[in-house]
């Protein structure tokens, strides 16, 4: 089963922490977004493996954009 992680707001991708193939646990930081000088961590919502990382540092994401897919 796959869990899609999507952006909750318009933001810049400040730092990518996880990589495709990484094993993550519920609550692990995948990427850090920056919006209005605030850093917002995007967290894994389940245990699993990062199957797809759809963003790169410097990208701008819109609300609802895919950030990552976690396969459990």
N, C-alpha and C. Protein backbone atom coordinates (compact mmCIF):
# COMPACT_ATOMS: atom_id res chain seq x y z
N UNK A 1 0.84 -1.18 0.00
CA UNK A 1 0.00 0.00 0.00
C UNK A 1 0.89 1.25 0.00
N UNK A 2 0.51 2.25 -0.76
CA UNK A 2 1.31 3.48 -0.89
C UNK A 2 0.59 4.64 -0.22
N UNK A 3 1.37 5.49 0.42
CA UNK A 3 0.86 6.68 1.10
C UNK A 3 1.44 7.90 0.40
N UNK A 4 0.58 8.75 -0.19
CA UNK A 4 1.06 9.95 -0.87
C UNK A 4 1.14 11.11 0.11
N UNK A 5 2.29 11.76 0.14
CA UNK A 5 2.49 12.94 0.98
C UNK A 5 2.38 14.16 0.07
N UNK A 6 1.47 15.06 0.40
CA UNK A 6 1.22 16.23 -0.46
C UNK A 6 1.44 17.52 0.32
N UNK A 7 1.76 18.58 -0.40
CA UNK A 7 1.99 19.89 0.21
C UNK A 7 0.68 20.44 0.77
N UNK A 8 0.77 21.05 1.94
CA UNK A 8 -0.41 21.64 2.56
C UNK A 8 -0.52 23.13 2.28
N UNK A 9 0.52 23.71 1.66
CA UNK A 9 0.52 25.14 1.37
C UNK A 9 1.51 25.43 0.25
N UNK A 10 1.46 26.64 -0.26
CA UNK A 10 2.46 27.11 -1.23
C UNK A 10 3.74 27.38 -0.46
N UNK A 11 4.84 26.81 -0.93
CA UNK A 11 6.12 26.98 -0.21
C UNK A 11 7.28 26.63 -1.14
N UNK A 12 8.47 27.01 -0.70
CA UNK A 12 9.71 26.62 -1.37
C UNK A 12 10.25 25.37 -0.69
N UNK A 13 10.83 24.47 -1.47
CA UNK A 13 11.49 23.30 -0.89
C UNK A 13 12.88 23.78 -0.46
N UNK A 14 13.08 23.91 0.85
CA UNK A 14 14.33 24.44 1.38
C UNK A 14 15.39 23.35 1.48
N UNK A 15 15.00 22.17 1.98
CA UNK A 15 15.97 21.09 2.13
C UNK A 15 15.27 19.74 1.95
N UNK A 16 15.91 18.86 1.19
CA UNK A 16 15.44 17.49 1.03
C UNK A 16 16.25 16.62 1.99
N UNK A 17 15.57 15.96 2.93
CA UNK A 17 16.24 15.18 3.97
C UNK A 17 16.31 13.70 3.58
N UNK A 18 15.23 13.17 3.04
CA UNK A 18 15.16 11.75 2.67
C UNK A 18 15.49 11.57 1.19
N UNK A 19 15.80 10.35 0.82
CA UNK A 19 16.08 10.02 -0.59
C UNK A 19 15.25 8.79 -0.97
N UNK A 20 15.02 8.63 -2.27
CA UNK A 20 14.32 7.43 -2.74
C UNK A 20 15.06 6.20 -2.28
N UNK A 21 14.32 5.22 -1.77
CA UNK A 21 14.91 3.99 -1.28
C UNK A 21 15.17 4.00 0.22
N UNK A 22 15.12 5.18 0.85
CA UNK A 22 15.32 5.25 2.31
C UNK A 22 14.16 4.60 3.04
N UNK A 23 14.47 3.96 4.16
CA UNK A 23 13.45 3.43 5.06
C UNK A 23 13.13 4.52 6.06
N UNK A 24 11.83 4.81 6.22
CA UNK A 24 11.41 5.87 7.15
C UNK A 24 10.37 5.32 8.12
N UNK A 25 10.28 6.00 9.27
CA UNK A 25 9.27 5.66 10.27
C UNK A 25 8.25 6.79 10.33
N UNK A 26 7.07 6.48 10.84
CA UNK A 26 6.03 7.48 11.03
C UNK A 26 6.61 8.65 11.83
N UNK A 27 6.53 9.87 11.29
CA UNK A 27 7.04 11.04 11.98
C UNK A 27 8.42 11.50 11.54
N UNK A 28 9.11 10.70 10.72
CA UNK A 28 10.42 11.12 10.21
C UNK A 28 10.26 12.28 9.22
N UNK A 29 11.21 13.19 9.23
CA UNK A 29 11.18 14.33 8.31
C UNK A 29 11.64 13.88 6.92
N UNK A 30 10.85 14.22 5.90
CA UNK A 30 11.18 13.90 4.51
C UNK A 30 11.83 15.11 3.82
N UNK A 31 11.17 16.25 3.92
CA UNK A 31 11.70 17.50 3.37
C UNK A 31 11.34 18.63 4.33
N UNK A 32 12.02 19.76 4.15
CA UNK A 32 11.69 20.96 4.93
C UNK A 32 11.29 22.03 3.93
N UNK A 33 10.09 22.56 4.12
CA UNK A 33 9.59 23.63 3.28
C UNK A 33 9.84 24.97 3.96
N UNK A 34 9.91 26.03 3.16
CA UNK A 34 10.08 27.38 3.70
C UNK A 34 8.98 28.25 3.13
N UNK A 35 8.26 28.90 4.04
CA UNK A 35 7.20 29.81 3.62
C UNK A 35 7.14 30.97 4.60
N UNK A 36 7.22 32.17 4.09
CA UNK A 36 7.17 33.38 4.92
C UNK A 36 8.21 33.32 6.05
N UNK A 37 9.42 32.89 5.71
CA UNK A 37 10.57 32.79 6.62
C UNK A 37 10.38 31.77 7.74
N UNK A 38 9.40 30.88 7.59
CA UNK A 38 9.20 29.80 8.56
C UNK A 38 9.61 28.49 7.91
N UNK A 39 10.25 27.62 8.68
CA UNK A 39 10.62 26.29 8.20
C UNK A 39 9.54 25.31 8.65
N UNK A 40 8.99 24.57 7.68
CA UNK A 40 7.91 23.63 7.96
C UNK A 40 8.36 22.23 7.55
N UNK A 41 8.56 21.33 8.53
CA UNK A 41 8.95 19.96 8.17
C UNK A 41 7.75 19.20 7.59
N UNK A 42 8.01 18.41 6.56
CA UNK A 42 7.01 17.51 6.00
C UNK A 42 7.37 16.12 6.49
N UNK A 43 6.44 15.49 7.22
CA UNK A 43 6.73 14.24 7.91
C UNK A 43 6.12 13.03 7.21
N UNK A 44 6.79 11.89 7.35
CA UNK A 44 6.22 10.62 6.88
C UNK A 44 5.00 10.33 7.74
N UNK A 45 3.95 9.83 7.13
CA UNK A 45 2.72 9.54 7.86
C UNK A 45 2.56 8.06 8.16
N UNK A 46 3.56 7.27 7.77
CA UNK A 46 3.53 5.83 8.03
C UNK A 46 4.95 5.29 7.92
N UNK A 47 5.17 4.10 8.45
CA UNK A 47 6.45 3.41 8.29
C UNK A 47 6.52 2.86 6.87
N UNK A 48 7.71 2.84 6.30
CA UNK A 48 7.85 2.26 4.97
C UNK A 48 9.12 2.72 4.28
N UNK A 49 9.08 2.62 2.95
CA UNK A 49 10.21 2.98 2.11
C UNK A 49 9.80 4.12 1.19
N UNK A 50 10.69 5.09 1.00
CA UNK A 50 10.41 6.19 0.08
C UNK A 50 10.49 5.64 -1.34
N UNK A 51 9.33 5.48 -1.97
CA UNK A 51 9.27 4.93 -3.32
C UNK A 51 9.49 6.01 -4.37
N UNK A 52 9.04 7.23 -4.06
CA UNK A 52 9.20 8.34 -5.00
C UNK A 52 9.37 9.62 -4.21
N UNK A 53 10.32 10.43 -4.63
CA UNK A 53 10.51 11.76 -4.08
C UNK A 53 10.31 12.72 -5.25
N UNK A 54 9.22 13.49 -5.21
CA UNK A 54 8.80 14.27 -6.37
C UNK A 54 9.30 15.71 -6.37
N UNK A 55 10.12 16.09 -5.39
CA UNK A 55 10.61 17.47 -5.31
C UNK A 55 12.13 17.50 -5.17
N UNK A 56 12.70 18.64 -5.52
CA UNK A 56 14.13 18.90 -5.35
C UNK A 56 14.29 20.21 -4.60
N UNK A 57 15.44 20.39 -3.97
CA UNK A 57 15.71 21.65 -3.28
C UNK A 57 15.58 22.80 -4.27
N UNK A 58 14.90 23.86 -3.85
CA UNK A 58 14.69 25.03 -4.70
C UNK A 58 13.37 25.03 -5.44
N UNK A 59 12.69 23.88 -5.49
CA UNK A 59 11.38 23.82 -6.15
C UNK A 59 10.35 24.63 -5.38
N UNK A 60 9.33 25.09 -6.08
CA UNK A 60 8.18 25.73 -5.45
C UNK A 60 7.02 24.77 -5.58
N UNK A 61 6.37 24.46 -4.44
CA UNK A 61 5.22 23.56 -4.47
C UNK A 61 3.95 24.36 -4.19
N UNK A 62 2.89 23.92 -4.81
CA UNK A 62 1.57 24.50 -4.60
C UNK A 62 0.79 23.58 -3.66
N UNK A 63 -0.23 24.10 -3.03
CA UNK A 63 -1.07 23.28 -2.16
C UNK A 63 -1.60 22.08 -2.94
N UNK A 64 -1.39 20.87 -2.41
CA UNK A 64 -1.87 19.65 -3.06
C UNK A 64 -0.85 18.97 -3.93
N UNK A 65 0.30 19.62 -4.20
CA UNK A 65 1.34 18.99 -5.03
C UNK A 65 1.93 17.78 -4.32
N UNK A 66 2.25 16.77 -5.10
CA UNK A 66 2.88 15.55 -4.55
C UNK A 66 4.31 15.85 -4.12
N UNK A 67 4.64 15.44 -2.90
CA UNK A 67 6.01 15.59 -2.39
C UNK A 67 6.71 14.24 -2.41
N UNK A 68 6.04 13.21 -1.89
CA UNK A 68 6.67 11.89 -1.82
C UNK A 68 5.61 10.80 -1.76
N UNK A 69 6.05 9.57 -2.10
CA UNK A 69 5.20 8.39 -1.96
C UNK A 69 5.94 7.42 -1.06
N UNK A 70 5.27 6.96 0.00
CA UNK A 70 5.83 6.00 0.94
C UNK A 70 5.11 4.67 0.75
N UNK A 71 5.86 3.61 0.48
CA UNK A 71 5.26 2.27 0.35
C UNK A 71 5.53 1.50 1.63
N UNK A 72 4.45 0.91 2.17
CA UNK A 72 4.63 0.14 3.41
C UNK A 72 4.77 -1.33 3.15
